Protein backbone atom coordinates (compact mmCIF):
# COMPACT_ATOMS: atom_id res chain seq x y z
CA TYR A 1 8.54 216.27 -211.74
CA VAL A 2 10.31 219.48 -212.78
CA VAL A 3 11.68 221.83 -210.32
CA GLY A 4 9.12 224.43 -209.71
CA GLN A 5 6.21 222.20 -209.88
CA VAL A 6 6.21 221.49 -206.28
CA SER A 7 6.63 225.08 -205.21
CA GLY A 8 4.00 226.22 -207.73
CA SER A 9 1.56 223.75 -206.44
CA LEU A 10 1.85 225.06 -202.92
CA GLY A 11 0.72 228.54 -203.81
CA ALA A 12 -2.77 229.88 -203.77
CA ALA A 13 -2.82 230.94 -207.41
CA ALA A 14 -1.51 227.69 -208.49
CA GLU A 15 -2.84 225.68 -211.25
CA PRO A 16 -5.11 222.77 -210.60
CA ALA A 17 -3.72 220.26 -208.31
CA ALA A 18 -0.99 218.13 -209.60
CA PRO A 19 -0.69 214.54 -208.80
CA LEU A 20 1.76 215.27 -206.01
CA ALA A 21 -0.56 217.75 -204.39
CA ARG A 22 -3.18 215.21 -203.95
CA LEU A 23 -1.12 213.57 -201.38
CA PHE A 24 -1.44 216.59 -199.09
CA ARG A 25 -5.22 217.01 -199.52
CA ALA A 26 -7.74 215.89 -197.04
CA ALA A 27 -8.40 212.22 -197.05
CA ALA A 28 -11.23 211.02 -199.21
CA PRO A 29 -13.99 209.13 -197.51
CA PRO A 30 -13.37 205.35 -197.54
CA VAL A 31 -15.04 203.35 -200.18
CA LEU A 32 -16.39 199.98 -199.24
CA VAL A 33 -15.88 197.21 -201.73
CA SER A 34 -17.69 193.96 -201.44
CA VAL A 35 -15.43 190.92 -201.24
CA PRO A 36 -16.60 187.48 -202.34
CA GLY A 37 -17.03 184.65 -199.68
CA GLY A 38 -14.52 182.30 -201.24
CA ASN A 39 -11.64 184.12 -199.75
CA LYS A 40 -12.56 182.99 -196.20
CA LYS A 41 -12.56 179.40 -197.31
CA ARG A 42 -9.19 179.91 -198.88
CA LYS A 43 -7.96 181.48 -195.68
CA ARG A 44 -9.25 178.55 -193.63
CA ALA A 45 -7.71 176.10 -196.09
CA GLU A 46 -4.42 178.04 -195.86
CA LYS A 47 -4.61 177.89 -192.07
CA GLY A 48 -5.44 174.14 -192.19
CA GLU A 49 -2.49 173.55 -194.52
CA LYS A 50 -0.23 175.52 -192.17
CA VAL A 51 -1.55 173.45 -189.14
CA SER A 52 -1.09 170.19 -191.04
CA GLU A 53 2.47 171.35 -192.03
CA ASP A 54 3.22 172.15 -188.42
CA GLN A 55 1.79 168.86 -187.24
CA SER A 56 3.80 166.94 -189.91
CA LEU A 57 6.91 168.82 -188.85
CA SER A 58 6.20 167.95 -185.27
CA ILE A 59 5.55 164.32 -186.16
CA ILE A 60 8.72 164.23 -188.14
CA GLN A 61 10.70 165.90 -185.34
CA GLU A 62 9.26 163.59 -182.57
CA PRO A 63 11.14 160.27 -183.37
CA PRO A 64 14.60 161.75 -182.84
CA VAL A 65 13.46 162.98 -179.47
CA LYS A 66 12.29 159.55 -178.57
CA ALA A 67 15.53 158.06 -179.70
CA LYS A 68 17.37 160.49 -177.53
CA LYS A 69 15.24 159.48 -174.52
CA ALA A 70 15.94 155.79 -175.25
CA ARG A 71 19.64 156.51 -175.50
CA LYS A 72 19.44 158.33 -172.17
CA LYS A 73 17.71 155.29 -170.72
CA GLU A 74 20.36 152.95 -172.14
CA HIS A 75 23.05 155.21 -170.70
CA SER A 76 21.32 155.23 -167.33
CA GLU A 77 21.12 151.39 -167.23
CA ALA A 78 24.80 151.11 -168.15
CA GLU A 79 25.61 153.74 -165.50
CA LYS A 80 23.56 151.75 -162.97
CA LYS A 81 25.51 148.60 -163.84
CA LEU A 82 28.79 150.41 -163.48
CA SER A 83 27.65 151.93 -160.22
CA GLU A 84 26.57 148.52 -159.00
CA ARG A 85 29.92 147.06 -159.91
CA GLU A 86 31.68 149.93 -158.26
CA ASN A 87 29.54 149.46 -155.17
CA ALA A 88 30.35 145.69 -155.15
CA LEU A 89 33.99 146.39 -155.46
CA GLU A 90 33.75 148.91 -152.61
CA GLN A 91 31.95 146.41 -150.51
CA ALA A 92 34.52 143.73 -151.24
CA ASP A 93 37.30 146.14 -150.35
CA GLU A 94 35.49 147.04 -147.08
CA GLU A 95 34.99 143.35 -146.27
CA GLU A 96 38.61 142.71 -146.94
CA HIS A 97 39.59 145.57 -144.67
CA GLN A 98 37.33 144.25 -142.02
CA LYS A 99 38.71 140.77 -142.36
CA LEU A 100 42.24 142.05 -142.11
CA PHE A 101 41.29 144.13 -139.09
CA GLN A 102 39.56 141.07 -137.45
CA ASN A 103 42.59 138.90 -138.18
CA LYS A 104 44.85 141.51 -136.70
CA ALA A 105 42.62 141.73 -133.62
CA LYS A 106 42.60 137.97 -133.36
CA GLN A 107 46.42 137.79 -133.70
CA LYS A 108 46.79 140.48 -130.99
CA LYS A 109 44.27 138.55 -128.82
CA ASN A 110 46.06 135.25 -129.30
CA ALA A 111 49.41 136.90 -128.62
CA SER A 112 48.01 138.47 -125.37
CA GLN A 113 46.47 135.18 -124.42
CA ALA A 114 49.77 133.37 -125.11
CA ILE A 115 51.61 135.99 -123.00
CA THR A 116 49.10 135.62 -120.21
CA LYS A 117 49.36 131.84 -120.41
CA SER A 118 53.13 132.05 -120.32
CA VAL A 119 52.96 134.43 -117.35
CA VAL A 120 50.47 132.19 -115.60
CA ASN A 121 52.52 129.07 -116.39
CA SER A 122 55.71 130.87 -115.22
CA ALA A 123 53.83 131.98 -112.10
CA THR A 124 52.37 128.50 -111.55
CA GLY A 125 55.80 127.00 -112.14
CA ALA A 126 57.32 129.50 -109.76
CA THR A 127 54.64 128.69 -107.18
CA ALA A 128 55.13 125.03 -107.78
CA LYS A 129 58.85 125.45 -107.30
CA GLN A 130 58.26 127.50 -104.13
CA ARG A 131 55.90 124.80 -102.82
CA LYS A 132 58.41 122.07 -103.60
CA ARG A 133 61.12 123.99 -101.84
CA LYS A 134 58.91 124.57 -98.84
CA ARG A 135 57.96 120.84 -98.87
CA VAL A 136 61.58 119.77 -98.96
CA ALA A 137 62.50 122.25 -96.32
CA ASN A 138 59.64 121.00 -94.16
CA GLU A 139 60.54 117.39 -94.69
CA ALA A 140 64.16 118.23 -93.66
CA ALA A 141 62.95 120.07 -90.62
CA ASP A 142 60.60 117.17 -89.74
CA ARG A 143 63.52 114.72 -89.90
CA ARG A 144 65.34 116.95 -87.35
CA THR A 145 62.27 117.17 -85.16
CA VAL A 146 61.24 114.87 -82.32
CA PHE A 147 57.69 114.43 -81.01
CA VAL A 148 57.45 113.99 -77.24
CA GLY A 149 54.07 112.84 -75.91
CA ASN A 150 52.39 112.07 -72.57
CA LEU A 151 54.24 114.90 -70.76
CA PRO A 152 52.79 116.14 -67.49
CA VAL A 153 51.19 119.54 -67.45
CA SER A 154 53.77 120.71 -64.91
CA CYS A 155 56.64 120.03 -67.35
CA THR A 156 58.55 123.20 -68.18
CA LEU A 157 60.89 124.23 -70.96
CA GLN A 158 63.99 123.91 -68.88
CA VAL A 159 63.10 120.27 -67.76
CA LEU A 160 62.53 119.18 -71.33
CA LYS A 161 65.68 120.91 -72.56
CA SER A 162 67.79 119.28 -69.91
CA LEU A 163 66.42 115.86 -70.93
CA PHE A 164 67.38 116.18 -74.65
CA VAL A 165 70.40 118.56 -74.62
CA LYS A 166 72.82 115.67 -74.12
CA TYR A 167 72.01 114.33 -77.65
CA GLY A 168 72.91 117.52 -79.49
CA GLN A 169 72.26 121.18 -79.96
CA ILE A 170 68.62 122.04 -79.76
CA GLN A 171 67.12 124.68 -82.06
CA SER A 172 63.70 125.22 -80.55
CA ILE A 173 61.01 123.58 -78.33
CA ARG A 174 57.30 123.93 -78.80
CA PHE A 175 54.53 122.81 -76.48
CA ARG A 176 51.28 121.52 -77.99
CA SER A 177 47.86 120.09 -76.98
CA LEU A 178 47.42 122.80 -74.42
CA ILE A 179 43.74 123.43 -73.64
CA PRO A 180 43.17 126.86 -72.06
CA ALA A 181 41.18 127.10 -68.79
CA GLU A 182 39.16 129.93 -70.34
CA ASP A 183 37.97 130.47 -73.90
CA ALA A 184 39.18 134.04 -73.83
CA VAL A 185 42.76 132.91 -73.19
CA SER A 186 44.84 131.81 -76.21
CA LYS A 187 46.92 128.63 -76.25
CA LYS A 188 50.15 130.62 -76.26
CA VAL A 189 49.24 132.52 -73.13
CA ALA A 190 47.95 129.40 -71.52
CA ALA A 191 51.35 127.75 -72.22
CA ILE A 192 53.24 130.67 -70.73
CA LYS A 193 51.06 131.17 -67.71
CA ARG A 194 50.19 127.53 -67.35
CA LYS A 195 46.50 128.22 -67.24
CA VAL A 196 45.43 124.75 -68.50
CA HIS A 197 42.03 123.09 -68.34
CA PRO A 198 41.70 120.88 -65.23
CA ASN A 199 40.61 117.86 -67.25
CA VAL A 200 43.81 117.96 -69.23
CA LYS A 201 46.41 115.59 -67.63
CA SER A 202 49.03 115.40 -70.28
CA ILE A 203 50.49 117.59 -72.96
CA ASN A 204 52.81 117.15 -76.01
CA ALA A 205 55.89 118.86 -77.27
CA TYR A 206 58.17 119.19 -80.35
CA VAL A 207 61.92 119.30 -79.98
CA VAL A 208 63.85 120.59 -83.03
CA PHE A 209 67.59 119.68 -83.33
CA LYS A 210 70.08 121.28 -85.61
CA GLU A 211 71.28 117.95 -86.96
CA GLU A 212 69.21 114.95 -88.08
CA CYS A 213 71.57 112.42 -86.49
CA ASP A 214 70.97 114.12 -83.05
CA ALA A 215 67.23 113.64 -83.46
CA GLN A 216 67.73 109.92 -84.21
CA LYS A 217 69.81 109.57 -80.96
CA ALA A 218 67.05 111.24 -79.01
CA LEU A 219 64.72 108.42 -79.75
CA LYS A 220 66.36 106.45 -76.99
CA GLU A 221 64.34 108.46 -74.43
CA ASN A 222 61.13 106.67 -75.55
CA GLY A 223 59.32 105.08 -72.67
CA THR A 224 61.33 106.89 -69.92
CA GLU A 225 59.38 107.83 -66.81
CA ILE A 226 59.74 111.67 -66.61
CA ALA A 227 57.36 111.85 -63.62
CA SER A 228 55.36 109.46 -61.51
CA GLY A 229 52.83 107.80 -63.82
CA PHE A 230 54.11 109.54 -66.97
CA HIS A 231 56.12 107.50 -69.49
CA ILE A 232 56.95 109.77 -72.37
CA ARG A 233 56.53 108.73 -75.96
CA VAL A 234 59.29 109.87 -78.27
CA ASP A 235 59.04 109.52 -82.02
CA THR A 236 60.14 111.26 -85.18
CA ALA A 237 57.80 113.97 -86.52
CA SER A 238 58.43 112.98 -90.19
CA GLU A 239 55.96 110.78 -92.06
CA THR A 240 58.80 108.43 -92.94
CA GLY A 241 58.63 106.89 -89.53
CA SER A 242 56.45 103.72 -90.34
CA HIS A 243 54.26 102.25 -87.82
CA ASP A 244 54.83 98.40 -87.65
CA ASN A 245 51.26 96.88 -87.97
CA LYS A 246 52.55 93.43 -87.08
CA ARG A 247 53.61 94.51 -83.66
CA SER A 248 50.55 96.73 -82.97
CA VAL A 249 47.03 96.35 -81.55
CA PHE A 250 44.05 98.43 -82.06
CA LEU A 251 41.94 99.32 -78.98
CA GLY A 252 38.31 100.31 -79.05
CA ASN A 253 35.58 101.39 -76.56
CA LEU A 254 38.13 103.10 -74.35
CA PRO A 255 37.08 105.60 -71.62
CA TYR A 256 37.24 109.21 -72.74
CA ASP A 257 39.30 110.31 -69.78
CA ILE A 258 41.75 107.39 -69.79
CA PRO A 259 45.47 108.19 -69.43
CA ASP A 260 48.13 106.59 -71.49
CA ASP A 261 49.77 104.93 -68.46
CA ALA A 262 46.55 103.12 -67.55
CA VAL A 263 46.65 101.44 -71.02
CA ARG A 264 50.32 100.67 -70.59
CA GLU A 265 49.81 98.92 -67.19
CA HIS A 266 46.86 96.89 -68.63
CA PHE A 267 49.01 95.47 -71.50
CA GLN A 268 52.29 95.23 -69.73
CA VAL A 269 51.51 91.65 -68.87
CA CYS A 270 51.59 90.69 -72.56
CA GLY A 271 55.08 92.00 -73.17
CA ASP A 272 57.35 95.04 -73.38
CA VAL A 273 55.27 98.01 -74.53
CA VAL A 274 57.18 100.35 -76.82
CA ARG A 275 54.55 103.15 -76.99
CA VAL A 276 50.86 103.85 -76.28
CA ARG A 277 48.85 106.23 -78.32
CA VAL A 278 45.39 107.30 -77.28
CA VAL A 279 43.73 109.46 -79.97
CA ARG A 280 42.41 112.62 -78.37
CA ASP A 281 40.37 115.68 -79.36
CA SER A 282 42.50 118.77 -80.08
CA ARG A 283 39.89 121.10 -78.66
CA THR A 284 38.96 119.32 -75.41
CA GLY A 285 41.95 117.13 -74.71
CA LEU A 286 39.68 114.16 -74.07
CA GLY A 287 40.01 110.76 -75.76
CA LYS A 288 37.91 109.72 -78.74
CA GLY A 289 37.42 106.18 -77.48
CA PHE A 290 40.20 104.34 -79.45
CA GLY A 291 43.91 104.01 -79.49
CA TYR A 292 46.91 101.84 -80.38
CA VAL A 293 49.56 99.85 -78.47
CA LEU A 294 52.97 98.97 -80.04
CA PHE A 295 54.87 96.03 -78.55
CA GLU A 296 58.43 95.02 -78.73
CA ASN A 297 57.74 91.62 -80.26
CA THR A 298 55.05 90.05 -82.28
CA ASP A 299 54.52 87.31 -79.68
CA ALA A 300 52.95 90.03 -77.40
CA VAL A 301 50.29 90.62 -79.99
CA HIS A 302 48.93 87.10 -79.61
CA LEU A 303 48.72 87.60 -75.82
CA ALA A 304 47.10 91.05 -76.20
CA LEU A 305 44.31 89.58 -78.46
CA LYS A 306 43.30 87.41 -75.49
CA LEU A 307 42.48 90.56 -73.49
CA ASN A 308 39.61 91.26 -75.85
CA ASN A 309 36.37 92.12 -73.88
CA SER A 310 38.54 92.68 -70.79
CA VAL A 311 37.38 95.44 -68.46
CA LEU A 312 39.48 98.63 -68.27
CA MET A 313 38.26 101.52 -66.05
CA GLY A 314 34.73 100.03 -66.06
CA ARG A 315 34.55 99.45 -69.83
CA LYS A 316 34.92 96.23 -71.91
CA ILE A 317 37.56 97.17 -74.37
CA ARG A 318 37.84 95.79 -77.91
CA VAL A 319 41.30 94.42 -78.98
CA GLN A 320 41.99 93.72 -82.68
CA ARG A 321 44.82 93.43 -85.08
CA VAL A 322 45.84 96.44 -87.01
CA ALA A 323 44.93 95.75 -90.68
CA ASP A 324 47.21 96.85 -93.41
CA LYS A 325 45.34 99.38 -95.60
CA LYS A 326 47.25 98.57 -98.73
CA LYS A 327 46.65 94.86 -98.52
CA ALA A 328 42.96 95.49 -97.70
CA GLN A 329 42.60 97.70 -100.79
CA LYS A 330 44.35 95.01 -102.96
CA GLY A 331 42.11 92.28 -101.61
CA SER A 332 38.95 94.35 -102.19
CA ASP A 333 40.05 95.03 -105.74
CA GLN A 334 40.74 91.39 -106.44
CA SER A 335 37.45 90.35 -104.83
CA HIS A 336 35.54 92.77 -107.05
CA ALA A 337 37.44 91.74 -110.19
CA PRO A 338 35.65 88.46 -111.00
CA LYS A 339 32.28 90.00 -110.29
CA ASP A 340 33.03 92.72 -112.75
CA ARG A 341 34.08 90.21 -115.31
CA VAL A 342 30.88 88.21 -114.80
CA ASP A 343 28.83 91.38 -115.22
CA LYS A 344 30.74 92.28 -118.36
CA LYS A 345 30.03 88.79 -119.85
CA LYS A 346 26.36 89.01 -118.94
CA LYS A 347 26.18 92.40 -120.56
CA LYS A 348 27.82 91.08 -123.77
CA GLU A 349 25.44 88.12 -123.80
CA LYS A 350 22.44 90.38 -123.33
CA SER A 351 23.65 92.73 -126.08
CA CYS A 352 24.22 89.76 -128.48
CA SER A 353 20.78 88.31 -127.69
CA ASP A 354 19.13 91.61 -128.15
CA ASP A 355 20.83 92.22 -131.50
CA SER A 356 20.54 88.67 -132.90
CA PHE A 357 17.60 87.58 -134.98
CA VAL A 358 14.91 85.68 -133.13
CA GLY A 359 12.86 83.34 -135.28
CA GLU A 360 9.77 81.22 -134.63
CA LYS A 361 10.24 78.88 -131.64
CA ALA A 362 9.49 75.19 -132.25
CA ASN A 363 6.91 73.48 -130.13
CA PRO A 364 8.25 70.12 -129.07
CA LEU A 365 4.81 68.76 -128.06
CA LYS A 366 3.25 69.48 -131.43
CA LYS A 367 3.58 66.53 -133.86
CA SER A 368 4.07 67.02 -137.44
CA THR A 369 1.11 65.98 -139.69
CA LYS A 370 3.18 65.29 -142.78
CA PRO A 371 3.47 61.59 -143.74
CA LYS A 372 6.80 60.04 -143.51
CA ARG A 373 8.40 59.05 -146.74
CA LEU A 374 9.54 55.46 -147.20
CA LYS A 375 13.16 54.91 -148.06
CA THR A 376 13.36 53.47 -151.64
CA THR A 377 16.49 51.85 -152.93
CA PRO A 378 17.43 52.19 -156.56
CA ARG A 379 17.08 49.16 -158.84
CA ASN A 380 20.84 48.68 -159.47
CA LYS A 381 21.55 48.61 -155.76
CA ALA A 382 18.64 46.24 -155.15
CA GLY A 383 19.85 43.82 -157.78
CA ARG A 384 23.38 43.78 -156.37
CA ASN A 385 22.08 43.10 -152.82
CA LYS A 386 20.09 40.13 -154.06
């Protein structure tokens, strides 16, 4: 276009519309043009080709996705294995820690037990030592102590002290076998106030000397008559003082209220009586029905045995020898020994017979049915004999 054409075309007296002016005119009515049907098929084919291309692309792109998933799975399995190994290692470490802790606890426990055992052993050793010391001290005190029996109830501390003070310095004197007149009164009070049961006729005492030799000297007072009808019995309180069974006699079926002097008078005919001991109850003071008599010589024992079944205070007493317990135990052991041996032999025989093989027993009455074979001599031997 030339300049001026546009402006000229806009005016009223313009020339016929130029091609540019047509653009600004009113739009012409649309003209419908018929289109053949093959276009739709082409469009559908084009759409189908696009879909097929998309599907092919998707099919082509899917395999790498699956490979990625498989790789992820492989990685997960490896991770699982690693995690399992790590867990196993952690568990092993925990078990080791627990074992170490348990071992430490056991060591501590054993150490504590060892300490307690050592403490207990030391304590038991200390107690054993203390007991041994006490026993030694008691034995030493017993060797310095003298037992005085068959004292009258009226005997006082001064009378007993005046009797033994001439042998040495006395440390203490204790009265025993005192039965109170009433149950409410103690033995100590009964000894001080002399409230003794009326059935009690004699009491005992212990005299403790400061020296052992003085106690041995005091034994000379054995058998002395301290009062009318009371011959005291003096002996050492220690267990070392052995009772001579060869010079003693056992008495049975004695009256319960018998005094010691009655027994002494009954056996005085046989020989010199060293001491008489009637075993009494510590609670009532009455005799238990048996006792012992010790003579000066063994000859008196033979004479005393003849008094068996003799009457003493309305009872037939039983007189026997005093058996030695050690010899009796040895004899019983020897008597049982052969029986035990026989029993052992029998048991062995039984065990052997039970274990051994038992075959068929032969019947001696049954005769064998087999014919006996005749002895035949060989020809060479027969010719020689001829």
